[in-house]
Amino acid sequence: MPITIAPQGKELTVRKIGAEDKVRKHLMELGITEGGKLTLLSSSGGNVIVIVKEGRLCLDRSVAGKILVA
């Protein structure tokens, strides 16, 4: 499921990042990798706030919709 509709406050595993290579590389530099763990804090208006490792990230709707989690 896309991270935009995932349950809040639950640790999730990134299954696939369906973005173009440039965006995928940038997400990897931020710590979002396939098989990695993250926690969804908030999803409002399509934008999401996630906890990755020790930090928080805000992702816009277009990028967040391409991150599939389980």
C-alpha atoms as a PDB file:
ATOM      1  CA  MET A   1       0.000   0.000   0.000  1.00  0.00           C
ATOM      2  CA  PRO A   2       1.214   3.577  -0.544  1.00  0.00           C
ATOM      3  CA  ILE A   3       2.505   5.280   2.569  1.00  0.00           C
ATOM      4  CA  THR A   4      -0.191   7.961   2.179  1.00  0.00           C
ATOM      5  CA  ILE A   5      -2.878   5.471   3.318  1.00  0.00           C
ATOM      6  CA  ALA A   6      -0.813   3.445   5.816  1.00  0.00           C
ATOM      7  CA  PRO A   7      -1.794   3.335   9.502  1.00  0.00           C
ATOM      8  CA  GLN A   8      -0.275   6.073  11.652  1.00  0.00           C
ATOM      9  CA  GLY A   9       2.072   5.350  14.539  1.00  0.00           C
ATOM     10  CA  LYS A  10       2.998   1.889  13.307  1.00  0.00           C
ATOM     11  CA  GLU A  11       6.466   0.787  12.163  1.00  0.00           C
ATOM     12  CA  LEU A  12       6.360  -0.041   8.454  1.00  0.00           C
ATOM     13  CA  THR A  13       8.741  -1.738   6.054  1.00  0.00           C
ATOM     14  CA  VAL A  14       9.454  -0.104   2.693  1.00  0.00           C
ATOM     15  CA  ARG A  15       8.708  -2.684  -0.006  1.00  0.00           C
ATOM     16  CA  LYS A  16       9.237  -0.660  -3.176  1.00  0.00           C
ATOM     17  CA  ILE A  17      10.090   2.874  -4.256  1.00  0.00           C
ATOM     18  CA  GLY A  18       8.462   3.472  -7.626  1.00  0.00           C
ATOM     19  CA  ALA A  19      10.054   6.836  -8.353  1.00  0.00           C
ATOM     20  CA  GLU A  20      12.525   7.798 -11.059  1.00  0.00           C
ATOM     21  CA  ASP A  21      16.221   7.206 -10.368  1.00  0.00           C
ATOM     22  CA  LYS A  22      16.992  10.789  -9.307  1.00  0.00           C
ATOM     23  CA  VAL A  23      14.215  10.810  -6.687  1.00  0.00           C
ATOM     24  CA  ARG A  24      15.033   7.270  -5.544  1.00  0.00           C
ATOM     25  CA  LYS A  25      18.679   8.237  -5.000  1.00  0.00           C
ATOM     26  CA  HIS A  26      17.638  11.302  -2.990  1.00  0.00           C
ATOM     27  CA  LEU A  27      15.329   9.208  -0.791  1.00  0.00           C
ATOM     28  CA  MET A  28      18.144   6.718  -0.215  1.00  0.00           C
ATOM     29  CA  GLU A  29      20.386   9.575   0.917  1.00  0.00           C
ATOM     30  CA  LEU A  30      17.665  10.549   3.407  1.00  0.00           C
ATOM     31  CA  GLY A  31      17.527   6.987   4.752  1.00  0.00           C
ATOM     32  CA  ILE A  32      14.452   5.656   2.944  1.00  0.00           C
ATOM     33  CA  THR A  33      15.542   2.404   1.306  1.00  0.00           C
ATOM     34  CA  GLU A  34      13.773  -0.743   0.153  1.00  0.00           C
ATOM     35  CA  GLY A  35      13.636  -3.094   3.106  1.00  0.00           C
ATOM     36  CA  GLY A  36      14.186  -0.211   5.543  1.00  0.00           C
ATOM     37  CA  LYS A  37      11.920   0.683   8.448  1.00  0.00           C
ATOM     38  CA  LEU A  38       9.994   3.907   9.013  1.00  0.00           C
ATOM     39  CA  THR A  39       7.062   5.116  11.093  1.00  0.00           C
ATOM     40  CA  LEU A  40       4.227   7.259   9.759  1.00  0.00           C
ATOM     41  CA  LEU A  41       3.505  10.158  12.117  1.00  0.00           C
ATOM     42  CA  SER A  42       0.990  12.162  10.136  1.00  0.00           C
ATOM     43  CA  SER A  43      -0.788  12.115   6.804  1.00  0.00           C
ATOM     44  CA  SER A  44      -2.817  15.240   6.111  1.00  0.00           C
ATOM     45  CA  GLY A  45      -3.694  16.775   2.786  1.00  0.00           C
ATOM     46  CA  GLY A  46      -1.644  14.120   1.017  1.00  0.00           C
ATOM     47  CA  ASN A  47       1.612  15.201   2.615  1.00  0.00           C
ATOM     48  CA  VAL A  48       3.188  12.834   5.123  1.00  0.00           C
ATOM     49  CA  ILE A  49       5.572  13.124   8.044  1.00  0.00           C
ATOM     50  CA  VAL A  50       7.642  10.030   8.757  1.00  0.00           C
ATOM     51  CA  ILE A  51      10.299   9.028  11.256  1.00  0.00           C
ATOM     52  CA  VAL A  52      13.324   7.482   9.575  1.00  0.00           C
ATOM     53  CA  LYS A  53      16.043   6.272  11.909  1.00  0.00           C
ATOM     54  CA  GLU A  54      16.547   9.228  14.304  1.00  0.00           C
ATOM     55  CA  GLY A  55      14.951  12.008  12.239  1.00  0.00           C
ATOM     56  CA  ARG A  56      11.644  13.268  10.882  1.00  0.00           C
ATOM     57  CA  LEU A  57      10.971  13.916   7.225  1.00  0.00           C
ATOM     58  CA  CYS A  58       8.108  15.627   5.451  1.00  0.00           C
ATOM     59  CA  LEU A  59       7.290  14.225   2.018  1.00  0.00           C
ATOM     60  CA  ASP A  60       4.891  15.750  -0.494  1.00  0.00           C
ATOM     61  CA  ARG A  61       1.993  13.785  -1.937  1.00  0.00           C
ATOM     62  CA  SER A  62       3.622  12.977  -5.290  1.00  0.00           C
ATOM     63  CA  VAL A  63       6.737  11.420  -3.705  1.00  0.00           C
ATOM     64  CA  ALA A  64       4.899   9.736  -0.825  1.00  0.00           C
ATOM     65  CA  GLY A  65       2.486   8.022  -3.196  1.00  0.00           C
ATOM     66  CA  LYS A  66       5.402   6.230  -4.864  1.00  0.00           C
ATOM     67  CA  ILE A  67       6.665   4.669  -1.625  1.00  0.00           C
ATOM     68  CA  LEU A  68       4.971   1.322  -1.042  1.00  0.00           C
ATOM     69  CA  VAL A  69       5.033  -0.147   2.463  1.00  0.00           C
ATOM     70  CA  ALA A  70       3.812  -3.210   4.316  1.00  0.00           C
END
